[in-house]
């Protein structure tokens, strides 16, 4: 897939993920938070947690779910960016910190499939 199409698919997936989370009662605090070359797609709050969300969008199912692309190397990048965010924006004592993944599959017919993995990974 050409780079421009990939970027468009990613932006559309992130928009759909943010809407999905808002409908579930999350408050989106930031989108596309950057720390150097690292990025966190969505930072949100639910009742008890600050949630760092990685969004993986695909235009078709190619044999494995999109969330599997959040491999250990990607997790390390997200964790580093999350630490930078927390250093810049300290959070209240007792607030849980969580890392979720939202998979978005957009079919050519216009169907949307969303899968939300709560607490998808943890710092080691």
PDB file of N, CA and C in Angstrom:
ATOM      1  N   UNK A   1       0.850  -1.172   0.000  1.00  0.00           N
ATOM      2  CA  UNK A   1       0.000   0.000   0.000  1.00  0.00           C
ATOM      3  C   UNK A   1       0.902   1.245   0.000  1.00  0.00           C
ATOM      4  N   UNK A   2       0.634   2.202  -0.871  1.00  0.00           N
ATOM      5  CA  UNK A   2       1.434   3.437  -0.905  1.00  0.00           C
ATOM      6  C   UNK A   2       1.363   4.198   0.418  1.00  0.00           C
ATOM      7  N   UNK A   3       2.422   4.937   0.702  1.00  0.00           N
ATOM      8  CA  UNK A   3       2.555   5.658   1.973  1.00  0.00           C
ATOM      9  C   UNK A   3       1.362   6.584   2.249  1.00  0.00           C
ATOM     10  N   UNK A   4       0.899   7.327   1.252  1.00  0.00           N
ATOM     11  CA  UNK A   4      -0.223   8.264   1.445  1.00  0.00           C
ATOM     12  C   UNK A   4      -1.495   7.517   1.836  1.00  0.00           C
ATOM     13  N   UNK A   5      -1.738   6.385   1.190  1.00  0.00           N
ATOM     14  CA  UNK A   5      -2.924   5.573   1.529  1.00  0.00           C
ATOM     15  C   UNK A   5      -2.806   5.015   2.939  1.00  0.00           C
ATOM     16  N   UNK A   6      -1.601   4.578   3.302  1.00  0.00           N
ATOM     17  CA  UNK A   6      -1.376   4.051   4.653  1.00  0.00           C
ATOM     18  C   UNK A   6      -1.627   5.133   5.702  1.00  0.00           C
ATOM     19  N   UNK A   7      -1.135   6.345   5.421  1.00  0.00           N
ATOM     20  CA  UNK A   7      -1.333   7.464   6.356  1.00  0.00           C
ATOM     21  C   UNK A   7      -2.818   7.798   6.481  1.00  0.00           C
ATOM     22  N   UNK A   8      -3.531   7.783   5.372  1.00  0.00           N
ATOM     23  CA  UNK A   8      -4.972   8.075   5.391  1.00  0.00           C
ATOM     24  C   UNK A   8      -5.727   6.999   6.174  1.00  0.00           C
ATOM     25  N   UNK A   9      -5.374   5.751   5.944  1.00  0.00           N
ATOM     26  CA  UNK A   9      -6.007   4.646   6.676  1.00  0.00           C
ATOM     27  C   UNK A   9      -5.736   4.777   8.179  1.00  0.00           C
ATOM     28  N   UNK A  10      -4.492   5.102   8.528  1.00  0.00           N
ATOM     29  CA  UNK A  10      -4.137   5.268   9.935  1.00  0.00           C
ATOM     30  C   UNK A  10      -4.903   6.404  10.591  1.00  0.00           C
ATOM     31  N   UNK A  11      -5.001   7.539   9.887  1.00  0.00           N
ATOM     32  CA  UNK A  11      -5.731   8.691  10.438  1.00  0.00           C
ATOM     33  C   UNK A  11      -7.211   8.357  10.616  1.00  0.00           C
ATOM     34  N   UNK A  12      -7.779   7.674   9.642  1.00  0.00           N
ATOM     35  CA  UNK A  12      -9.205   7.282   9.733  1.00  0.00           C
ATOM     36  C   UNK A  12      -9.391   6.307  10.892  1.00  0.00           C
ATOM     37  N   UNK A  13      -8.494   5.343  11.038  1.00  0.00           N
ATOM     38  CA  UNK A  13      -8.582   4.388  12.135  1.00  0.00           C
ATOM     39  C   UNK A  13      -8.476   5.060  13.491  1.00  0.00           C
ATOM     40  N   UNK A  14      -7.560   6.027  13.620  1.00  0.00           N
ATOM     41  CA  UNK A  14      -7.408   6.737  14.890  1.00  0.00           C
ATOM     42  C   UNK A  14      -8.658   7.547  15.222  1.00  0.00           C
ATOM     43  N   UNK A  15      -9.257   8.156  14.211  1.00  0.00           N
ATOM     44  CA  UNK A  15     -10.504   8.909  14.426  1.00  0.00           C
ATOM     45  C   UNK A  15     -11.613   7.971  14.904  1.00  0.00           C
ATOM     46  N   UNK A  16     -11.754   6.821  14.245  1.00  0.00           N
ATOM     47  CA  UNK A  16     -12.775   5.852  14.643  1.00  0.00           C
ATOM     48  C   UNK A  16     -12.509   5.310  16.049  1.00  0.00           C
ATOM     49  N   UNK A  17     -11.243   5.065  16.374  1.00  0.00           N
ATOM     50  CA  UNK A  17     -10.897   4.570  17.706  1.00  0.00           C
ATOM     51  C   UNK A  17     -11.242   5.606  18.775  1.00  0.00           C
ATOM     52  N   UNK A  18     -10.940   6.882  18.512  1.00  0.00           N
ATOM     53  CA  UNK A  18     -11.258   7.942  19.473  1.00  0.00           C
ATOM     54  C   UNK A  18     -12.769   8.032  19.687  1.00  0.00           C
ATOM     55  N   UNK A  19     -13.536   7.960  18.619  1.00  0.00           N
ATOM     56  CA  UNK A  19     -15.003   7.993  18.733  1.00  0.00           C
ATOM     57  C   UNK A  19     -15.507   6.786  19.521  1.00  0.00           C
ATOM     58  N   UNK A  20     -14.956   5.634  19.238  1.00  0.00           N
ATOM     59  CA  UNK A  20     -15.330   4.401  19.946  1.00  0.00           C
ATOM     60  C   UNK A  20     -15.083   4.557  21.444  1.00  0.00           C
ATOM     61  N   UNK A  21     -13.878   5.044  21.797  1.00  0.00           N
ATOM     62  CA  UNK A  21     -13.537   5.207  23.212  1.00  0.00           C
ATOM     63  C   UNK A  21     -14.461   6.233  23.888  1.00  0.00           C
ATOM     64  N   UNK A  22     -14.733   7.326  23.207  1.00  0.00           N
ATOM     65  CA  UNK A  22     -15.644   8.339  23.773  1.00  0.00           C
ATOM     66  C   UNK A  22     -17.023   7.765  24.019  1.00  0.00           C
ATOM     67  N   UNK A  23     -17.508   6.950  23.094  1.00  0.00           N
ATOM     68  CA  UNK A  23     -18.823   6.303  23.285  1.00  0.00           C
ATOM     69  C   UNK A  23     -18.820   5.353  24.471  1.00  0.00           C
ATOM     70  N   UNK A  24     -17.652   4.815  24.799  1.00  0.00           N
ATOM     71  CA  UNK A  24     -17.529   3.921  25.958  1.00  0.00           C
ATOM     72  C   UNK A  24     -17.304   4.693  27.259  1.00  0.00           C
ATOM     73  N   UNK A  25     -17.296   6.027  27.192  1.00  0.00           N
ATOM     74  CA  UNK A  25     -17.162   6.831  28.392  1.00  0.00           C
ATOM     75  C   UNK A  25     -15.768   7.344  28.685  1.00  0.00           C
ATOM     76  N   UNK A  26     -14.824   7.102  27.804  1.00  0.00           N
ATOM     77  CA  UNK A  26     -13.471   7.623  27.974  1.00  0.00           C
ATOM     78  C   UNK A  26     -13.455   9.107  27.595  1.00  0.00           C
ATOM     79  N   UNK A  27     -12.539   9.844  28.190  1.00  0.00           N
ATOM     80  CA  UNK A  27     -12.303  11.235  27.814  1.00  0.00           C
ATOM     81  C   UNK A  27     -10.940  11.277  27.128  1.00  0.00           C
ATOM     82  N   UNK A  28     -10.935  11.629  25.856  1.00  0.00           N
ATOM     83  CA  UNK A  28      -9.687  11.696  25.095  1.00  0.00           C
ATOM     84  C   UNK A  28      -8.957  12.976  25.489  1.00  0.00           C
ATOM     85  N   UNK A  29      -7.725  12.819  25.988  1.00  0.00           N
ATOM     86  CA  UNK A  29      -6.916  13.950  26.429  1.00  0.00           C
ATOM     87  C   UNK A  29      -5.967  14.432  25.344  1.00  0.00           C
ATOM     88  N   UNK A  30      -5.459  13.510  24.549  1.00  0.00           N
ATOM     89  CA  UNK A  30      -4.491  13.867  23.504  1.00  0.00           C
ATOM     90  C   UNK A  30      -4.532  12.828  22.397  1.00  0.00           C
ATOM     91  N   UNK A  31      -4.199  13.284  21.203  1.00  0.00           N
ATOM     92  CA  UNK A  31      -4.056  12.379  20.062  1.00  0.00           C
ATOM     93  C   UNK A  31      -2.746  12.705  19.374  1.00  0.00           C
ATOM     94  N   UNK A  32      -2.037  11.673  18.979  1.00  0.00           N
ATOM     95  CA  UNK A  32      -0.776  11.861  18.274  1.00  0.00           C
ATOM     96  C   UNK A  32       0.297  12.518  19.132  1.00  0.00           C
ATOM     97  N   UNK A  33       0.361  12.141  20.421  1.00  0.00           N
ATOM     98  CA  UNK A  33       1.386  12.700  21.306  1.00  0.00           C
ATOM     99  C   UNK A  33       2.750  12.196  20.872  1.00  0.00           C
ATOM    100  N   UNK A  34       3.670  13.130  20.626  1.00  0.00           N
ATOM    101  CA  UNK A  34       4.997  12.770  20.139  1.00  0.00           C
ATOM    102  C   UNK A  34       6.065  13.065  21.183  1.00  0.00           C
ATOM    103  N   UNK A  35       6.992  12.132  21.269  1.00  0.00           N
ATOM    104  CA  UNK A  35       8.201  12.296  22.056  1.00  0.00           C
ATOM    105  C   UNK A  35       9.341  11.840  21.157  1.00  0.00           C
ATOM    106  N   UNK A  36      10.051  12.793  20.569  1.00  0.00           N
ATOM    107  CA  UNK A  36      11.062  12.448  19.576  1.00  0.00           C
ATOM    108  C   UNK A  36      10.380  11.785  18.390  1.00  0.00           C
ATOM    109  N   UNK A  37      10.866  10.606  18.034  1.00  0.00           N
ATOM    110  CA  UNK A  37      10.268   9.864  16.917  1.00  0.00           C
ATOM    111  C   UNK A  37       9.191   8.893  17.385  1.00  0.00           C
ATOM    112  N   UNK A  38       8.939   8.882  18.674  1.00  0.00           N
ATOM    113  CA  UNK A  38       7.942   7.963  19.229  1.00  0.00           C
ATOM    114  C   UNK A  38       6.606   8.673  19.321  1.00  0.00           C
ATOM    115  N   UNK A  39       5.533   7.916  19.155  1.00  0.00           N
ATOM    116  CA  UNK A  39       4.195   8.515  19.194  1.00  0.00           C
ATOM    117  C   UNK A  39       3.234   7.608  19.946  1.00  0.00           C
ATOM    118  N   UNK A  40       2.346   8.249  20.679  1.00  0.00           N
ATOM    119  CA  UNK A  40       1.214   7.539  21.278  1.00  0.00           C
ATOM    120  C   UNK A  40      -0.020   8.029  20.547  1.00  0.00           C
ATOM    121  N   UNK A  41      -0.780   7.106  19.992  1.00  0.00           N
ATOM    122  CA  UNK A  41      -1.916   7.483  19.160  1.00  0.00           C
ATOM    123  C   UNK A  41      -2.983   8.242  19.947  1.00  0.00           C
ATOM    124  N   UNK A  42      -3.377   7.687  21.096  1.00  0.00           N
ATOM    125  CA  UNK A  42      -4.431   8.307  21.902  1.00  0.00           C
ATOM    126  C   UNK A  42      -4.061   8.182  23.378  1.00  0.00           C
ATOM    127  N   UNK A  43      -4.263   9.265  24.113  1.00  0.00           N
ATOM    128  CA  UNK A  43      -4.149   9.232  25.568  1.00  0.00           C
ATOM    129  C   UNK A  43      -5.521   9.615  26.095  1.00  0.00           C
ATOM    130  N   UNK A  44      -6.066   8.757  26.957  1.00  0.00           N
ATOM    131  CA  UNK A  44      -7.442   8.959  27.423  1.00  0.00           C
ATOM    132  C   UNK A  44      -7.553   8.645  28.908  1.00  0.00           C
ATOM    133  N   UNK A  45      -8.670   9.049  29.480  1.00  0.00           N
ATOM    134  CA  UNK A  45      -8.979   8.737  30.874  1.00  0.00           C
ATOM    135  C   UNK A  45     -10.305   7.997  30.916  1.00  0.00           C
ATOM    136  N   UNK A  46     -10.358   6.974  31.748  1.00  0.00           N
ATOM    137  CA  UNK A  46     -11.644   6.395  32.108  1.00  0.00           C
ATOM    138  C   UNK A  46     -11.821   6.694  33.592  1.00  0.00           C
ATOM    139  N   UNK A  47     -12.728   6.047  34.248  1.00  0.00           N
ATOM    140  CA  UNK A  47     -13.032   6.377  35.641  1.00  0.00           C
ATOM    141  C   UNK A  47     -11.831   6.253  36.566  1.00  0.00           C
ATOM    142  N   UNK A  48     -10.966   5.264  36.342  1.00  0.00           N
ATOM    143  CA  UNK A  48      -9.875   4.992  37.283  1.00  0.00           C
ATOM    144  C   UNK A  48      -8.481   5.017  36.671  1.00  0.00           C
ATOM    145  N   UNK A  49      -8.382   5.186  35.366  1.00  0.00           N
ATOM    146  CA  UNK A  49      -7.082   4.990  34.720  1.00  0.00           C
ATOM    147  C   UNK A  49      -6.750   6.065  33.699  1.00  0.00           C
ATOM    148  N   UNK A  50      -5.444   6.307  33.579  1.00  0.00           N
ATOM    149  CA  UNK A  50      -4.914   7.026  32.435  1.00  0.00           C
ATOM    150  C   UNK A  50      -4.515   5.936  31.451  1.00  0.00           C
ATOM    151  N   UNK A  51      -5.009   6.041  30.227  1.00  0.00           N
ATOM    152  CA  UNK A  51      -4.858   4.958  29.263  1.00  0.00           C
ATOM    153  C   UNK A  51      -4.084   5.449  28.036  1.00  0.00           C
ATOM    154  N   UNK A  52      -2.978   4.765  27.753  1.00  0.00           N
ATOM    155  CA  UNK A  52      -2.207   5.014  26.550  1.00  0.00           C
ATOM    156  C   UNK A  52      -2.664   3.987  25.515  1.00  0.00           C
ATOM    157  N   UNK A  53      -3.152   4.474  24.382  1.00  0.00           N
ATOM    158  CA  UNK A  53      -3.794   3.597  23.401  1.00  0.00           C
ATOM    159  C   UNK A  53      -3.019   3.595  22.091  1.00  0.00           C
ATOM    160  N   UNK A  54      -2.647   2.421  21.649  1.00  0.00           N
ATOM    161  CA  UNK A  54      -2.067   2.228  20.325  1.00  0.00           C
ATOM    162  C   UNK A  54      -3.184   1.750  19.410  1.00  0.00           C
ATOM    163  N   UNK A  55      -3.302   2.389  18.247  1.00  0.00           N
ATOM    164  CA  UNK A  55      -4.340   2.025  17.279  1.00  0.00           C
ATOM    165  C   UNK A  55      -3.661   1.368  16.086  1.00  0.00           C
ATOM    166  N   UNK A  56      -4.164   0.214  15.702  1.00  0.00           N
ATOM    167  CA  UNK A  56      -3.669  -0.486  14.519  1.00  0.00           C
ATOM    168  C   UNK A  56      -4.833  -0.639  13.548  1.00  0.00           C
ATOM    169  N   UNK A  57      -4.661  -0.076  12.364  1.00  0.00           N
ATOM    170  CA  UNK A  57      -5.721  -0.094  11.351  1.00  0.00           C
ATOM    171  C   UNK A  57      -5.280  -0.917  10.162  1.00  0.00           C
ATOM    172  N   UNK A  58      -6.210  -1.657   9.620  1.00  0.00           N
ATOM    173  CA  UNK A  58      -5.959  -2.461   8.433  1.00  0.00           C
ATOM    174  C   UNK A  58      -7.157  -2.310   7.492  1.00  0.00           C
ATOM    175  N   UNK A  59      -6.893  -2.481   6.200  1.00  0.00           N
ATOM    176  CA  UNK A  59      -7.974  -2.411   5.217  1.00  0.00           C
ATOM    177  C   UNK A  59      -8.560  -3.784   4.928  1.00  0.00           C
ATOM    178  N   UNK A  60      -7.883  -4.804   5.415  1.00  0.00           N
ATOM    179  CA  UNK A  60      -8.398  -6.171   5.248  1.00  0.00           C
ATOM    180  C   UNK A  60      -7.722  -7.070   6.275  1.00  0.00           C
ATOM    181  N   UNK A  61      -8.316  -8.198   6.491  1.00  0.00           N
ATOM    182  CA  UNK A  61      -7.701  -9.174   7.384  1.00  0.00           C
ATOM    183  C   UNK A  61      -6.732  -9.987   6.548  1.00  0.00           C
ATOM    184  N   UNK A  62      -5.488 -10.033   6.969  1.00  0.00           N
ATOM    185  CA  UNK A  62      -4.479 -10.748   6.183  1.00  0.00           C
ATOM    186  C   UNK A  62      -3.935 -11.961   6.930  1.00  0.00           C
ATOM    187  N   UNK A  63      -4.767 -12.570   7.722  1.00  0.00           N
ATOM    188  CA  UNK A  63      -4.376 -13.790   8.394  1.00  0.00           C
ATOM    189  C   UNK A  63      -4.044 -13.632   9.854  1.00  0.00           C
ATOM    190  N   UNK A  64      -3.785 -12.401  10.295  1.00  0.00           N
ATOM    191  CA  UNK A  64      -3.539 -12.211  11.723  1.00  0.00           C
ATOM    192  C   UNK A  64      -4.144 -10.881  12.160  1.00  0.00           C
ATOM    193  N   UNK A  65      -4.584 -10.815  13.397  1.00  0.00           N
ATOM    194  CA  UNK A  65      -5.232  -9.587  13.888  1.00  0.00           C
ATOM    195  C   UNK A  65      -4.247  -8.423  13.947  1.00  0.00           C
ATOM    196  N   UNK A  66      -4.727  -7.208  13.689  1.00  0.00           N
ATOM    197  CA  UNK A  66      -3.838  -6.033  13.692  1.00  0.00           C
ATOM    198  C   UNK A  66      -3.088  -5.829  15.003  1.00  0.00           C
ATOM    199  N   UNK A  67      -3.693  -6.193  16.126  1.00  0.00           N
ATOM    200  CA  UNK A  67      -3.031  -5.927  17.408  1.00  0.00           C
ATOM    201  C   UNK A  67      -1.727  -6.699  17.572  1.00  0.00           C
ATOM    202  N   UNK A  68      -1.534  -7.757  16.792  1.00  0.00           N
ATOM    203  CA  UNK A  68      -0.280  -8.508  16.872  1.00  0.00           C
ATOM    204  C   UNK A  68       0.916  -7.689  16.379  1.00  0.00           C
ATOM    205  N   UNK A  69       0.652  -6.598  15.661  1.00  0.00           N
ATOM    206  CA  UNK A  69       1.723  -5.720  15.190  1.00  0.00           C
ATOM    207  C   UNK A  69       2.323  -4.899  16.328  1.00  0.00           C
ATOM    208  N   UNK A  70       1.685  -4.926  17.497  1.00  0.00           N
ATOM    209  CA  UNK A  70       2.221  -4.219  18.658  1.00  0.00           C
ATOM    210  C   UNK A  70       3.177  -5.184  19.366  1.00  0.00           C
ATOM    211  N   UNK A  71       4.313  -5.368  18.728  1.00  0.00           N
ATOM    212  CA  UNK A  71       5.319  -6.322  19.185  1.00  0.00           C
ATOM    213  C   UNK A  71       6.161  -5.710  20.316  1.00  0.00           C
ATOM    214  N   UNK A  72       7.073  -6.459  20.898  1.00  0.00           N
ATOM    215  CA  UNK A  72       7.884  -5.919  22.003  1.00  0.00           C
ATOM    216  C   UNK A  72       8.632  -4.626  21.656  1.00  0.00           C
ATOM    217  N   UNK A  73       9.143  -4.495  20.456  1.00  0.00           N
ATOM    218  CA  UNK A  73       9.852  -3.265  20.070  1.00  0.00           C
ATOM    219  C   UNK A  73       8.892  -2.073  20.071  1.00  0.00           C
ATOM    220  N   UNK A  74       7.702  -2.269  19.530  1.00  0.00           N
ATOM    221  CA  UNK A  74       6.696  -1.198  19.511  1.00  0.00           C
ATOM    222  C   UNK A  74       6.256  -0.867  20.935  1.00  0.00           C
ATOM    223  N   UNK A  75       6.084  -1.878  21.766  1.00  0.00           N
ATOM    224  CA  UNK A  75       5.712  -1.651  23.154  1.00  0.00           C
ATOM    225  C   UNK A  75       6.764  -0.803  23.868  1.00  0.00           C
ATOM    226  N   UNK A  76       8.033  -1.070  23.618  1.00  0.00           N
ATOM    227  CA  UNK A  76       9.113  -0.296  24.231  1.00  0.00           C
ATOM    228  C   UNK A  76       9.025   1.168  23.816  1.00  0.00           C
ATOM    229  N   UNK A  77       8.752   1.430  22.545  1.00  0.00           N
ATOM    230  CA  UNK A  77       8.596   2.809  22.070  1.00  0.00           C
ATOM    231  C   UNK A  77       7.435   3.502  22.773  1.00  0.00           C
ATOM    232  N   UNK A  78       6.318   2.805  22.895  1.00  0.00           N
ATOM    233  CA  UNK A  78       5.140   3.377  23.550  1.00  0.00           C
ATOM    234  C   UNK A  78       5.440   3.662  25.018  1.00  0.00           C
ATOM    235  N   UNK A  79       6.106   2.734  25.681  1.00  0.00           N
ATOM    236  CA  UNK A  79       6.454   2.922  27.096  1.00  0.00           C
ATOM    237  C   UNK A  79       7.365   4.133  27.284  1.00  0.00           C
ATOM    238  N   UNK A  80       8.333   4.322  26.423  1.00  0.00           N
ATOM    239  CA  UNK A  80       9.225   5.486  26.532  1.00  0.00           C
ATOM    240  C   UNK A  80       8.454   6.793  26.349  1.00  0.00           C
ATOM    241  N   UNK A  81       7.575   6.821  25.367  1.00  0.00           N
ATOM    242  CA  UNK A  81       6.771   8.023  25.145  1.00  0.00           C
ATOM    243  C   UNK A  81       5.821   8.262  26.321  1.00  0.00           C
ATOM    244  N   UNK A  82       5.273   7.199  26.884  1.00  0.00           N
ATOM    245  CA  UNK A  82       4.375   7.330  28.044  1.00  0.00           C
ATOM    246  C   UNK A  82       5.135   7.895  29.249  1.00  0.00           C
ATOM    247  N   UNK A  83       6.341   7.420  29.464  1.00  0.00           N
ATOM    248  CA  UNK A  83       7.154   7.950  30.579  1.00  0.00           C
ATOM    249  C   UNK A  83       7.418   9.445  30.393  1.00  0.00           C
ATOM    250  N   UNK A  84       7.690   9.842  29.162  1.00  0.00           N
ATOM    251  CA  UNK A  84       7.922  11.261  28.879  1.00  0.00           C
ATOM    252  C   UNK A  84       6.653  12.079  29.145  1.00  0.00           C
ATOM    253  N   UNK A  85       5.513  11.543  28.740  1.00  0.00           N
ATOM    254  CA  UNK A  85       4.230  12.228  28.987  1.00  0.00           C
ATOM    255  C   UNK A  85       4.007  12.388  30.487  1.00  0.00           C
ATOM    256  N   UNK A  86       4.229  11.325  31.239  1.00  0.00           N
ATOM    257  CA  UNK A  86       4.006  11.367  32.690  1.00  0.00           C
ATOM    258  C   UNK A  86       4.986  12.317  33.387  1.00  0.00           C
ATOM    259  N   UNK A  87       6.205  12.434  32.861  1.00  0.00           N
ATOM    260  CA  UNK A  87       7.162  13.379  33.436  1.00  0.00           C
ATOM    261  C   UNK A  87       6.718  14.821  33.177  1.00  0.00           C
ATOM    262  N   UNK A  88       6.146  15.036  32.019  1.00  0.00           N
ATOM    263  CA  UNK A  88       5.692  16.392  31.662  1.00  0.00           C
ATOM    264  C   UNK A  88       4.352  16.737  32.287  1.00  0.00           C
ATOM    265  N   UNK A  89       3.472  15.742  32.409  1.00  0.00           N
ATOM    266  CA  UNK A  89       2.126  15.947  32.944  1.00  0.00           C
ATOM    267  C   UNK A  89       1.907  14.990  34.111  1.00  0.00           C
ATOM    268  N   UNK A  90       2.421  15.320  35.284  1.00  0.00           N
ATOM    269  CA  UNK A  90       2.238  14.436  36.438  1.00  0.00           C
ATOM    270  C   UNK A  90       0.748  14.173  36.702  1.00  0.00           C
ATOM    271  N   UNK A  91       0.467  12.965  37.135  1.00  0.00           N
ATOM    272  CA  UNK A  91      -0.918  12.536  37.372  1.00  0.00           C
ATOM    273  C   UNK A  91      -1.170  12.391  38.868  1.00  0.00           C
ATOM    274  N   UNK A  92      -2.436  12.409  39.266  1.00  0.00           N
ATOM    275  CA  UNK A  92      -2.767  12.261  40.691  1.00  0.00           C
ATOM    276  C   UNK A  92      -2.303  10.914  41.243  1.00  0.00           C
ATOM    277  N   UNK A  93      -1.934  10.911  42.521  1.00  0.00           N
ATOM    278  CA  UNK A  93      -1.569   9.669  43.221  1.00  0.00           C
ATOM    279  C   UNK A  93      -2.710   8.667  43.099  1.00  0.00           C
ATOM    280  N   UNK A  94      -2.357   7.415  42.927  1.00  0.00           N
ATOM    281  CA  UNK A  94      -3.359   6.354  42.923  1.00  0.00           C
ATOM    282  C   UNK A  94      -4.035   6.118  41.583  1.00  0.00           C
ATOM    283  N   UNK A  95      -3.746   6.946  40.593  1.00  0.00           N
ATOM    284  CA  UNK A  95      -4.339   6.752  39.273  1.00  0.00           C
ATOM    285  C   UNK A  95      -3.645   5.577  38.593  1.00  0.00           C
ATOM    286  N   UNK A  96      -4.426   4.621  38.123  1.00  0.00           N
ATOM    287  CA  UNK A  96      -3.855   3.493  37.396  1.00  0.00           C
ATOM    288  C   UNK A  96      -3.354   3.968  36.038  1.00  0.00           C
ATOM    289  N   UNK A  97      -2.294   3.339  35.556  1.00  0.00           N
ATOM    290  CA  UNK A  97      -1.761   3.590  34.217  1.00  0.00           C
ATOM    291  C   UNK A  97      -1.942   2.290  33.441  1.00  0.00           C
ATOM    292  N   UNK A  98      -2.479   2.419  32.238  1.00  0.00           N
ATOM    293  CA  UNK A  98      -2.795   1.216  31.466  1.00  0.00           C
ATOM    294  C   UNK A  98      -2.409   1.423  30.003  1.00  0.00           C
ATOM    295  N   UNK A  99      -2.118   0.310  29.325  1.00  0.00           N
ATOM    296  CA  UNK A  99      -1.766   0.329  27.911  1.00  0.00           C
ATOM    297  C   UNK A  99      -2.748  -0.563  27.156  1.00  0.00           C
ATOM    298  N   UNK A 100      -3.543   0.049  26.304  1.00  0.00           N
ATOM    299  CA  UNK A 100      -4.553  -0.657  25.516  1.00  0.00           C
ATOM    300  C   UNK A 100      -4.172  -0.636  24.044  1.00  0.00           C
ATOM    301  N   UNK A 101      -4.768  -1.542  23.296  1.00  0.00           N
ATOM    302  CA  UNK A 101      -4.635  -1.551  21.837  1.00  0.00           C
ATOM    303  C   UNK A 101      -6.036  -1.614  21.252  1.00  0.00           C
ATOM    304  N   UNK A 102      -6.291  -0.756  20.273  1.00  0.00           N
ATOM    305  CA  UNK A 102      -7.548  -0.803  19.528  1.00  0.00           C
ATOM    306  C   UNK A 102      -7.212  -1.186  18.091  1.00  0.00           C
ATOM    307  N   UNK A 103      -7.797  -2.291  17.637  1.00  0.00           N
ATOM    308  CA  UNK A 103      -7.631  -2.746  16.259  1.00  0.00           C
ATOM    309  C   UNK A 103      -8.845  -2.303  15.455  1.00  0.00           C
ATOM    310  N   UNK A 104      -8.591  -1.719  14.307  1.00  0.00           N
ATOM    311  CA  UNK A 104      -9.656  -1.266  13.407  1.00  0.00           C
ATOM    312  C   UNK A 104      -9.446  -1.955  12.065  1.00  0.00           C
ATOM    313  N   UNK A 105     -10.479  -2.608  11.585  1.00  0.00           N
ATOM    314  CA  UNK A 105     -10.440  -3.175  10.234  1.00  0.00           C
ATOM    315  C   UNK A 105     -11.525  -2.480   9.429  1.00  0.00           C
ATOM    316  N   UNK A 106     -11.106  -1.793   8.363  1.00  0.00           N
ATOM    317  CA  UNK A 106     -12.015  -1.079   7.464  1.00  0.00           C
ATOM    318  C   UNK A 106     -12.076  -1.854   6.156  1.00  0.00           C
ATOM    319  N   UNK A 107     -13.204  -2.465   5.883  1.00  0.00           N
ATOM    320  CA  UNK A 107     -13.309  -3.252   4.654  1.00  0.00           C
ATOM    321  C   UNK A 107     -13.560  -2.329   3.461  1.00  0.00           C
ATOM    322  N   UNK A 108     -13.252  -2.795   2.262  1.00  0.00           N
ATOM    323  CA  UNK A 108     -13.518  -1.990   1.061  1.00  0.00           C
ATOM    324  C   UNK A 108     -15.006  -1.649   0.903  1.00  0.00           C
ATOM    325  N   UNK A 109     -15.874  -2.478   1.491  1.00  0.00           N
ATOM    326  CA  UNK A 109     -17.315  -2.241   1.405  1.00  0.00           C
ATOM    327  C   UNK A 109     -17.773  -1.174   2.402  1.00  0.00           C
ATOM    328  N   UNK A 110     -16.871  -0.722   3.256  1.00  0.00           N
ATOM    329  CA  UNK A 110     -17.223   0.310   4.225  1.00  0.00           C
ATOM    330  C   UNK A 110     -17.564  -0.214   5.609  1.00  0.00           C
ATOM    331  N   UNK A 111     -17.462  -1.522   5.800  1.00  0.00           N
ATOM    332  CA  UNK A 111     -17.723  -2.082   7.130  1.00  0.00           C
ATOM    333  C   UNK A 111     -16.545  -1.783   8.050  1.00  0.00           C
ATOM    334  N   UNK A 112     -16.849  -1.585   9.333  1.00  0.00           N
ATOM    335  CA  UNK A 112     -15.825  -1.298  10.332  1.00  0.00           C
ATOM    336  C   UNK A 112     -15.913  -2.335  11.431  1.00  0.00           C
ATOM    337  N   UNK A 113     -14.778  -2.930  11.753  1.00  0.00           N
ATOM    338  CA  UNK A 113     -14.697  -3.883  12.862  1.00  0.00           C
ATOM    339  C   UNK A 113     -13.705  -3.319  13.877  1.00  0.00           C
ATOM    340  N   UNK A 114     -14.149  -3.201  15.135  1.00  0.00           N
ATOM    341  CA  UNK A 114     -13.312  -2.649  16.193  1.00  0.00           C
ATOM    342  C   UNK A 114     -13.095  -3.710  17.260  1.00  0.00           C
ATOM    343  N   UNK A 115     -11.852  -3.882  17.672  1.00  0.00           N
ATOM    344  CA  UNK A 115     -11.531  -4.770  18.783  1.00  0.00           C
ATOM    345  C   UNK A 115     -10.670  -3.981  19.764  1.00  0.00           C
ATOM    346  N   UNK A 116     -11.109  -3.918  21.013  1.00  0.00           N
ATOM    347  CA  UNK A 116     -10.419  -3.145  22.048  1.00  0.00           C
ATOM    348  C   UNK A 116      -9.814  -4.115  23.052  1.00  0.00           C
ATOM    349  N   UNK A 117      -8.491  -4.148  23.101  1.00  0.00           N
ATOM    350  CA  UNK A 117      -7.790  -4.991  24.067  1.00  0.00           C
ATOM    351  C   UNK A 117      -7.393  -4.124  25.260  1.00  0.00           C
ATOM    352  N   UNK A 118      -8.112  -4.289  26.344  1.00  0.00           N
ATOM    353  CA  UNK A 118      -7.850  -3.530  27.561  1.00  0.00           C
ATOM    354  C   UNK A 118      -6.653  -4.167  28.266  1.00  0.00           C
ATOM    355  N   UNK A 119      -5.729  -3.325  28.724  1.00  0.00           N
ATOM    356  CA  UNK A 119      -4.543  -3.791  29.428  1.00  0.00           C
ATOM    357  C   UNK A 119      -3.770  -4.797  28.562  1.00  0.00           C
ATOM    358  N   UNK A 120      -3.520  -4.398  27.322  1.00  0.00           N
ATOM    359  CA  UNK A 120      -2.916  -5.287  26.313  1.00  0.00           C
ATOM    360  C   UNK A 120      -1.480  -5.690  26.651  1.00  0.00           C
ATOM    361  N   UNK A 121      -0.758  -4.781  27.316  1.00  0.00           N
ATOM    362  CA  UNK A 121       0.602  -5.108  27.735  1.00  0.00           C
ATOM    363  C   UNK A 121       0.962  -4.251  28.932  1.00  0.00           C
ATOM    364  N   UNK A 122       2.013  -4.662  29.600  1.00  0.00           N
ATOM    365  CA  UNK A 122       2.476  -3.956  30.810  1.00  0.00           C
ATOM    366  C   UNK A 122       3.974  -3.727  30.732  1.00  0.00           C
ATOM    367  N   UNK A 123       4.446  -2.662  31.395  1.00  0.00           N
ATOM    368  CA  UNK A 123       5.894  -2.464  31.430  1.00  0.00           C
ATOM    369  C   UNK A 123       6.570  -3.650  32.103  1.00  0.00           C
ATOM    370  N   UNK A 124       7.756  -3.992  31.631  1.00  0.00           N
ATOM    371  CA  UNK A 124       8.461  -5.122  32.252  1.00  0.00           C
ATOM    372  C   UNK A 124       9.495  -4.647  33.227  1.00  0.00           C
TER     373      UNK A 124
END
